[in-house]
N, C-alpha and C. Protein backbone atom coordinates (compact mmCIF):
# COMPACT_ATOMS: atom_id res chain seq x y z
N UNK A 1 210.67 88.85 336.07
CA UNK A 1 209.52 88.15 335.53
C UNK A 1 210.01 87.23 334.40
N UNK A 2 209.73 85.99 334.52
CA UNK A 2 210.10 85.04 333.47
C UNK A 2 209.10 85.14 332.33
N UNK A 3 209.62 85.28 331.14
CA UNK A 3 208.77 85.39 329.96
C UNK A 3 208.93 84.11 329.15
N UNK A 4 207.81 83.54 328.76
CA UNK A 4 207.84 82.29 328.02
C UNK A 4 208.58 82.45 326.70
N UNK A 5 209.22 81.38 326.30
CA UNK A 5 209.94 81.36 325.03
C UNK A 5 208.99 81.70 323.88
N UNK A 6 207.75 81.23 323.97
CA UNK A 6 206.76 81.52 322.92
C UNK A 6 206.53 83.02 322.79
N UNK A 7 206.47 83.72 323.91
CA UNK A 7 206.30 85.17 323.89
C UNK A 7 207.48 85.82 323.16
N UNK A 8 208.68 85.39 323.48
CA UNK A 8 209.86 85.95 322.81
C UNK A 8 209.88 85.60 321.33
N UNK A 9 209.37 84.44 320.99
CA UNK A 9 209.27 84.07 319.57
C UNK A 9 208.34 85.03 318.84
N UNK A 10 207.20 85.32 319.43
CA UNK A 10 206.24 86.27 318.84
C UNK A 10 206.89 87.64 318.70
N UNK A 11 207.57 88.09 319.75
CA UNK A 11 208.21 89.40 319.71
C UNK A 11 209.33 89.44 318.67
N UNK A 12 210.11 88.37 318.57
CA UNK A 12 211.18 88.34 317.57
C UNK A 12 210.62 88.35 316.15
N UNK A 13 209.48 87.71 315.94
CA UNK A 13 208.83 87.78 314.63
C UNK A 13 208.47 89.22 314.30
N UNK A 14 207.94 89.94 315.28
CA UNK A 14 207.60 91.34 315.05
C UNK A 14 208.85 92.20 314.83
N UNK A 15 209.91 91.87 315.53
CA UNK A 15 211.18 92.59 315.32
C UNK A 15 211.62 92.42 313.87
N UNK A 16 211.54 91.20 313.35
CA UNK A 16 211.89 90.95 311.95
C UNK A 16 211.05 91.83 311.03
N UNK A 17 209.76 91.86 311.26
CA UNK A 17 208.84 92.65 310.43
C UNK A 17 209.19 94.13 310.51
N UNK A 18 209.46 94.61 311.71
CA UNK A 18 209.78 96.04 311.87
C UNK A 18 211.10 96.40 311.20
N UNK A 19 212.10 95.55 311.36
CA UNK A 19 213.39 95.82 310.71
C UNK A 19 213.26 95.75 309.20
N UNK A 20 212.45 94.82 308.72
CA UNK A 20 212.18 94.75 307.28
C UNK A 20 211.50 96.02 306.81
N UNK A 21 210.54 96.49 307.60
CA UNK A 21 209.84 97.73 307.25
C UNK A 21 210.78 98.92 307.23
N UNK A 22 211.68 98.95 308.20
CA UNK A 22 212.68 100.04 308.24
C UNK A 22 213.47 100.07 306.94
N UNK A 23 213.97 98.92 306.54
CA UNK A 23 214.78 98.84 305.32
C UNK A 23 213.94 99.06 304.07
N UNK A 24 212.73 98.53 304.08
CA UNK A 24 211.84 98.68 302.92
C UNK A 24 211.45 100.12 302.67
N UNK A 25 211.08 100.83 303.73
CA UNK A 25 210.72 102.23 303.56
C UNK A 25 211.93 103.07 303.14
N UNK A 26 213.10 102.75 303.70
CA UNK A 26 214.31 103.48 303.30
C UNK A 26 214.62 103.24 301.83
N UNK A 27 214.47 101.99 301.38
CA UNK A 27 214.70 101.68 299.96
C UNK A 27 213.69 102.40 299.08
N UNK A 28 212.44 102.43 299.53
CA UNK A 28 211.40 103.11 298.75
C UNK A 28 211.71 104.60 298.65
N UNK A 29 212.19 105.18 299.74
CA UNK A 29 212.50 106.62 299.74
C UNK A 29 213.59 106.94 298.71
N UNK A 30 214.49 106.00 298.49
CA UNK A 30 215.55 106.21 297.51
C UNK A 30 215.01 106.25 296.08
N UNK A 31 213.81 105.70 295.88
CA UNK A 31 213.28 105.55 294.54
C UNK A 31 212.17 106.54 294.20
N UNK A 32 212.03 107.58 295.00
CA UNK A 32 211.06 108.63 294.66
C UNK A 32 211.79 109.96 294.56
N UNK A 33 211.28 110.82 293.72
CA UNK A 33 211.92 112.12 293.55
C UNK A 33 211.22 113.21 294.34
N UNK A 34 209.97 113.00 294.68
CA UNK A 34 209.19 113.98 295.45
C UNK A 34 209.78 114.08 296.86
N UNK A 35 210.29 115.25 297.22
CA UNK A 35 211.00 115.41 298.49
C UNK A 35 210.09 115.21 299.69
N UNK A 36 208.82 115.62 299.60
CA UNK A 36 207.93 115.43 300.74
C UNK A 36 207.60 113.95 300.92
N UNK A 37 207.41 113.23 299.85
CA UNK A 37 207.16 111.79 299.95
C UNK A 37 208.40 111.07 300.47
N UNK A 38 209.56 111.48 299.98
CA UNK A 38 210.82 110.88 300.44
C UNK A 38 210.95 111.05 301.95
N UNK A 39 210.64 112.24 302.45
CA UNK A 39 210.71 112.52 303.88
C UNK A 39 209.70 111.67 304.66
N UNK A 40 208.50 111.56 304.14
CA UNK A 40 207.48 110.75 304.81
C UNK A 40 207.89 109.28 304.89
N UNK A 41 208.43 108.76 303.80
CA UNK A 41 208.87 107.37 303.80
C UNK A 41 210.04 107.16 304.77
N UNK A 42 210.92 108.12 304.86
CA UNK A 42 212.03 108.02 305.83
C UNK A 42 211.51 108.09 307.26
N UNK A 43 210.46 108.89 307.49
CA UNK A 43 209.85 108.92 308.82
C UNK A 43 209.29 107.55 309.20
N UNK A 44 208.65 106.89 308.23
CA UNK A 44 208.12 105.55 308.49
C UNK A 44 209.27 104.58 308.75
N UNK A 45 210.36 104.74 308.05
CA UNK A 45 211.52 103.89 308.27
C UNK A 45 212.03 104.05 309.70
N UNK A 46 212.15 105.28 310.15
CA UNK A 46 212.63 105.53 311.52
C UNK A 46 211.63 105.03 312.56
N UNK A 47 210.34 105.15 312.25
CA UNK A 47 209.31 104.64 313.15
C UNK A 47 209.49 103.14 313.36
N UNK A 48 209.73 102.41 312.25
CA UNK A 48 209.89 100.96 312.36
C UNK A 48 211.16 100.60 313.11
N UNK A 49 212.20 101.40 312.94
CA UNK A 49 213.44 101.17 313.70
C UNK A 49 213.15 101.31 315.20
N UNK A 50 212.38 102.34 315.55
CA UNK A 50 212.02 102.56 316.95
C UNK A 50 211.14 101.43 317.48
N UNK A 51 210.19 100.97 316.66
CA UNK A 51 209.34 99.85 317.06
C UNK A 51 210.20 98.63 317.37
N UNK A 52 211.14 98.34 316.47
CA UNK A 52 212.02 97.18 316.67
C UNK A 52 212.82 97.33 317.96
N UNK A 53 213.34 98.52 318.21
CA UNK A 53 214.14 98.75 319.41
C UNK A 53 213.31 98.52 320.67
N UNK A 54 212.07 98.98 320.66
CA UNK A 54 211.19 98.76 321.82
C UNK A 54 210.94 97.27 322.05
N UNK A 55 210.68 96.55 320.98
CA UNK A 55 210.44 95.11 321.09
C UNK A 55 211.72 94.37 321.51
N UNK A 56 212.86 94.80 320.97
CA UNK A 56 214.14 94.19 321.35
C UNK A 56 214.39 94.37 322.85
N UNK A 57 214.00 95.53 323.36
CA UNK A 57 214.16 95.78 324.80
C UNK A 57 213.36 94.80 325.64
N UNK A 58 212.14 94.49 325.21
CA UNK A 58 211.32 93.52 325.95
C UNK A 58 211.98 92.14 325.96
N UNK A 59 212.48 91.72 324.80
CA UNK A 59 213.12 90.40 324.72
C UNK A 59 214.39 90.39 325.57
N UNK A 60 215.19 91.43 325.47
CA UNK A 60 216.43 91.50 326.25
C UNK A 60 216.15 91.50 327.75
N UNK A 61 215.09 92.17 328.17
CA UNK A 61 214.73 92.21 329.59
C UNK A 61 214.33 90.83 330.11
N UNK A 62 213.94 89.95 329.23
CA UNK A 62 213.56 88.60 329.65
C UNK A 62 214.78 87.69 329.77
N UNK A 63 215.94 88.21 329.40
CA UNK A 63 217.16 87.42 329.49
C UNK A 63 217.54 86.70 328.22
N UNK A 64 216.74 86.85 327.17
CA UNK A 64 217.05 86.22 325.90
C UNK A 64 217.63 87.26 324.95
N UNK A 65 218.26 86.75 323.89
CA UNK A 65 218.86 87.63 322.89
C UNK A 65 217.80 87.98 321.84
N UNK A 66 217.54 89.28 321.66
CA UNK A 66 216.56 89.67 320.64
C UNK A 66 217.14 89.58 319.23
N UNK A 67 216.26 89.40 318.29
CA UNK A 67 216.66 89.40 316.89
C UNK A 67 217.17 90.79 316.53
N UNK A 68 218.13 90.84 315.62
CA UNK A 68 218.63 92.15 315.19
C UNK A 68 218.74 92.23 313.67
N UNK A 69 218.00 91.36 312.99
CA UNK A 69 218.01 91.42 311.52
C UNK A 69 216.62 91.11 310.99
N UNK A 70 216.43 91.48 309.74
CA UNK A 70 215.16 91.22 309.10
C UNK A 70 215.10 89.80 308.57
N UNK A 71 214.04 89.52 307.89
CA UNK A 71 213.77 88.19 307.34
C UNK A 71 214.33 88.09 305.93
N UNK A 72 214.74 86.90 305.52
CA UNK A 72 215.29 86.69 304.19
C UNK A 72 214.27 87.04 303.11
N UNK A 73 213.02 86.65 303.29
CA UNK A 73 212.00 86.94 302.27
C UNK A 73 211.80 88.44 302.11
N UNK A 74 211.96 89.19 303.18
CA UNK A 74 211.83 90.64 303.08
C UNK A 74 213.01 91.21 302.30
N UNK A 75 214.18 90.62 302.45
CA UNK A 75 215.32 91.05 301.65
C UNK A 75 215.04 90.87 300.17
N UNK A 76 214.37 89.79 299.85
CA UNK A 76 213.97 89.58 298.47
C UNK A 76 212.95 90.62 298.04
N UNK A 77 212.05 90.99 298.94
CA UNK A 77 211.05 92.02 298.64
C UNK A 77 211.74 93.35 298.35
N UNK A 78 212.74 93.72 299.19
CA UNK A 78 213.48 94.96 298.95
C UNK A 78 214.21 94.91 297.63
N UNK A 79 214.79 93.76 297.31
CA UNK A 79 215.47 93.61 296.02
C UNK A 79 214.47 93.77 294.89
N UNK A 80 213.28 93.27 295.07
CA UNK A 80 212.24 93.40 294.05
C UNK A 80 211.90 94.87 293.84
N UNK A 81 211.81 95.65 294.93
CA UNK A 81 211.56 97.09 294.81
C UNK A 81 212.66 97.72 293.96
N UNK A 82 213.92 97.35 294.24
CA UNK A 82 215.05 97.92 293.51
C UNK A 82 214.97 97.58 292.02
N UNK A 83 214.70 96.32 291.70
CA UNK A 83 214.63 95.90 290.31
C UNK A 83 213.42 96.53 289.62
N UNK A 84 212.29 96.49 290.28
CA UNK A 84 211.09 97.04 289.68
C UNK A 84 211.26 98.54 289.39
N UNK A 85 211.92 99.23 290.30
CA UNK A 85 212.08 100.68 290.10
C UNK A 85 212.94 100.97 288.87
N UNK A 86 213.88 100.08 288.57
CA UNK A 86 214.69 100.28 287.37
C UNK A 86 213.84 100.24 286.11
N UNK A 87 212.84 99.39 286.11
CA UNK A 87 211.98 99.24 284.95
C UNK A 87 210.84 100.25 284.90
N UNK A 88 210.55 100.86 286.01
CA UNK A 88 209.42 101.79 286.05
C UNK A 88 209.88 103.23 286.22
N UNK A 89 211.16 103.48 286.04
CA UNK A 89 211.72 104.82 286.15
C UNK A 89 211.30 105.50 287.45
N UNK A 90 211.47 104.77 288.55
CA UNK A 90 211.11 105.28 289.86
C UNK A 90 209.66 105.75 289.91
N UNK A 91 208.80 104.99 289.28
CA UNK A 91 207.38 105.26 289.22
C UNK A 91 206.80 105.32 290.63
N UNK A 92 206.25 106.47 290.96
CA UNK A 92 205.70 106.71 292.30
C UNK A 92 204.64 105.68 292.65
N UNK A 93 203.76 105.39 291.71
CA UNK A 93 202.69 104.42 291.96
C UNK A 93 203.28 103.05 292.30
N UNK A 94 204.24 102.60 291.52
CA UNK A 94 204.84 101.28 291.74
C UNK A 94 205.52 101.20 293.10
N UNK A 95 206.23 102.25 293.48
CA UNK A 95 206.92 102.26 294.78
C UNK A 95 205.89 102.22 295.90
N UNK A 96 204.84 103.04 295.79
CA UNK A 96 203.82 103.06 296.84
C UNK A 96 203.05 101.74 296.90
N UNK A 97 202.83 101.13 295.76
CA UNK A 97 202.14 99.84 295.74
C UNK A 97 202.97 98.79 296.48
N UNK A 98 204.28 98.83 296.30
CA UNK A 98 205.14 97.88 297.01
C UNK A 98 205.17 98.19 298.50
N UNK A 99 205.14 99.47 298.86
CA UNK A 99 205.08 99.83 300.28
C UNK A 99 203.79 99.30 300.90
N UNK A 100 202.70 99.44 300.17
CA UNK A 100 201.43 98.94 300.69
C UNK A 100 201.48 97.43 300.86
N UNK A 101 202.08 96.75 299.91
CA UNK A 101 202.20 95.29 300.00
C UNK A 101 203.00 94.91 301.24
N UNK A 102 204.05 95.64 301.52
CA UNK A 102 204.83 95.40 302.73
C UNK A 102 204.01 95.65 303.98
N UNK A 103 203.19 96.69 303.95
CA UNK A 103 202.34 97.01 305.09
C UNK A 103 201.24 95.97 305.30
N UNK A 104 200.77 95.37 304.19
CA UNK A 104 199.81 94.27 304.32
C UNK A 104 200.44 93.14 305.13
N UNK A 105 201.69 92.83 304.85
CA UNK A 105 202.41 91.78 305.58
C UNK A 105 202.59 92.16 307.04
N UNK A 106 202.93 93.41 307.28
CA UNK A 106 203.12 93.88 308.66
C UNK A 106 201.81 93.81 309.44
N UNK A 107 200.71 94.23 308.82
CA UNK A 107 199.42 94.17 309.50
C UNK A 107 199.06 92.72 309.85
N UNK A 108 199.32 91.81 308.94
CA UNK A 108 199.02 90.39 309.19
C UNK A 108 199.87 89.86 310.35
N UNK A 109 201.13 90.24 310.40
CA UNK A 109 202.01 89.78 311.48
C UNK A 109 201.55 90.33 312.83
N UNK A 110 201.17 91.59 312.87
CA UNK A 110 200.70 92.18 314.12
C UNK A 110 199.37 91.57 314.55
N UNK A 111 198.51 91.29 313.58
CA UNK A 111 197.23 90.64 313.90
C UNK A 111 197.49 89.28 314.54
N UNK A 112 198.39 88.52 313.95
CA UNK A 112 198.74 87.20 314.48
C UNK A 112 199.32 87.33 315.89
N UNK A 113 200.17 88.33 316.11
CA UNK A 113 200.76 88.53 317.43
C UNK A 113 199.69 88.87 318.46
N UNK A 114 198.70 89.66 318.06
CA UNK A 114 197.66 90.04 319.00
C UNK A 114 196.73 88.87 319.33
N UNK A 115 196.76 87.84 318.52
CA UNK A 115 195.97 86.64 318.79
C UNK A 115 196.71 85.65 319.68
N UNK A 116 197.97 85.95 319.98
CA UNK A 116 198.76 85.08 320.85
C UNK A 116 198.53 85.48 322.30
N UNK A 117 199.10 84.70 323.18
CA UNK A 117 198.90 84.91 324.62
C UNK A 117 200.06 85.71 325.21
N UNK A 118 200.12 86.99 324.85
CA UNK A 118 201.18 87.87 325.37
C UNK A 118 200.78 88.41 326.73
N UNK A 119 201.76 88.67 327.60
CA UNK A 119 201.45 89.36 328.86
C UNK A 119 200.82 90.72 328.56
N UNK A 120 199.96 91.20 329.43
CA UNK A 120 199.17 92.40 329.14
C UNK A 120 200.02 93.62 328.83
N UNK A 121 201.13 93.82 329.54
CA UNK A 121 201.96 94.99 329.25
C UNK A 121 202.63 94.87 327.88
N UNK A 122 202.96 93.67 327.47
CA UNK A 122 203.52 93.46 326.14
C UNK A 122 202.43 93.69 325.09
N UNK A 123 201.23 93.20 325.39
CA UNK A 123 200.12 93.33 324.46
C UNK A 123 199.80 94.81 324.21
N UNK A 124 199.90 95.63 325.22
CA UNK A 124 199.63 97.06 325.05
C UNK A 124 200.59 97.67 324.03
N UNK A 125 201.86 97.34 324.13
CA UNK A 125 202.84 97.85 323.18
C UNK A 125 202.54 97.33 321.78
N UNK A 126 202.26 96.05 321.66
CA UNK A 126 201.98 95.45 320.35
C UNK A 126 200.73 96.08 319.74
N UNK A 127 199.69 96.29 320.53
CA UNK A 127 198.47 96.92 320.02
C UNK A 127 198.73 98.35 319.57
N UNK A 128 199.52 99.07 320.32
CA UNK A 128 199.85 100.44 319.95
C UNK A 128 200.62 100.47 318.63
N UNK A 129 201.60 99.59 318.50
CA UNK A 129 202.35 99.53 317.26
C UNK A 129 201.47 99.07 316.10
N UNK A 130 200.58 98.13 316.36
CA UNK A 130 199.67 97.64 315.31
C UNK A 130 198.78 98.78 314.81
N UNK A 131 198.32 99.62 315.70
CA UNK A 131 197.50 100.77 315.30
C UNK A 131 198.30 101.72 314.40
N UNK A 132 199.54 101.94 314.75
CA UNK A 132 200.40 102.81 313.92
C UNK A 132 200.65 102.18 312.56
N UNK A 133 200.85 100.87 312.52
CA UNK A 133 201.06 100.18 311.25
C UNK A 133 199.82 100.33 310.37
N UNK A 134 198.65 100.19 310.98
CA UNK A 134 197.39 100.34 310.22
C UNK A 134 197.26 101.76 309.66
N UNK A 135 197.58 102.75 310.47
CA UNK A 135 197.52 104.15 309.99
C UNK A 135 198.50 104.36 308.83
N UNK A 136 199.70 103.80 308.95
CA UNK A 136 200.68 103.93 307.89
C UNK A 136 200.19 103.23 306.63
N UNK A 137 199.66 102.04 306.77
CA UNK A 137 199.10 101.32 305.63
C UNK A 137 198.05 102.16 304.92
N UNK A 138 197.12 102.71 305.70
CA UNK A 138 196.04 103.49 305.12
C UNK A 138 196.56 104.75 304.42
N UNK A 139 197.57 105.37 305.00
CA UNK A 139 198.17 106.56 304.40
C UNK A 139 198.88 106.21 303.09
N UNK A 140 199.65 105.14 303.10
CA UNK A 140 200.38 104.72 301.90
C UNK A 140 199.38 104.34 300.80
N UNK A 141 198.33 103.65 301.18
CA UNK A 141 197.29 103.25 300.21
C UNK A 141 196.63 104.48 299.60
N UNK A 142 196.33 105.48 300.45
CA UNK A 142 195.72 106.72 299.96
C UNK A 142 196.66 107.46 299.01
N UNK A 143 197.94 107.50 299.35
CA UNK A 143 198.92 108.14 298.46
C UNK A 143 199.00 107.39 297.14
N UNK A 144 199.02 106.07 297.22
CA UNK A 144 199.07 105.25 296.01
C UNK A 144 197.84 105.51 295.13
N UNK A 145 196.67 105.49 295.76
CA UNK A 145 195.42 105.69 295.00
C UNK A 145 195.35 107.08 294.39
N UNK A 146 195.85 108.09 295.12
CA UNK A 146 195.85 109.46 294.60
C UNK A 146 196.78 109.58 293.40
N UNK A 147 197.84 108.80 293.40
CA UNK A 147 198.80 108.82 292.29
C UNK A 147 198.16 108.26 291.03
N UNK A 148 197.27 107.33 291.18
CA UNK A 148 196.63 106.65 290.05
C UNK A 148 195.63 107.58 289.34
N UNK A 149 195.09 108.55 290.05
CA UNK A 149 194.03 109.41 289.48
C UNK A 149 194.54 110.37 288.48
């Protein structure tokens, strides 16, 4: 099945977002001392790695080379988490707020992808991943809000 270049462009954008999320959650996990939160953040990191791998498989099956790195702006975001954590003494609220900000970006990217003209089997995967991203966003936001109380 020939897949349009535009479809692969959409998928590669999501791969970037997922790889950025993988690295972002891993960086966040390094900046918290709570072992259960650290574990949860690492689970989200692995989830994003798996999401990227699934999307990379779709692009590779079309005969094109899938992206295998994150976006430059996300690298800056991860660096910001690192710098901010130095000033906030690994403040749980600050780390979770940055995770939520990253998830806001991921939700926007998945929303945009779902508005594109993807083949139905691709759309099913994207919708499934988008639902998981939304659940993660809501969980991170709830953790952040609970920290503030």
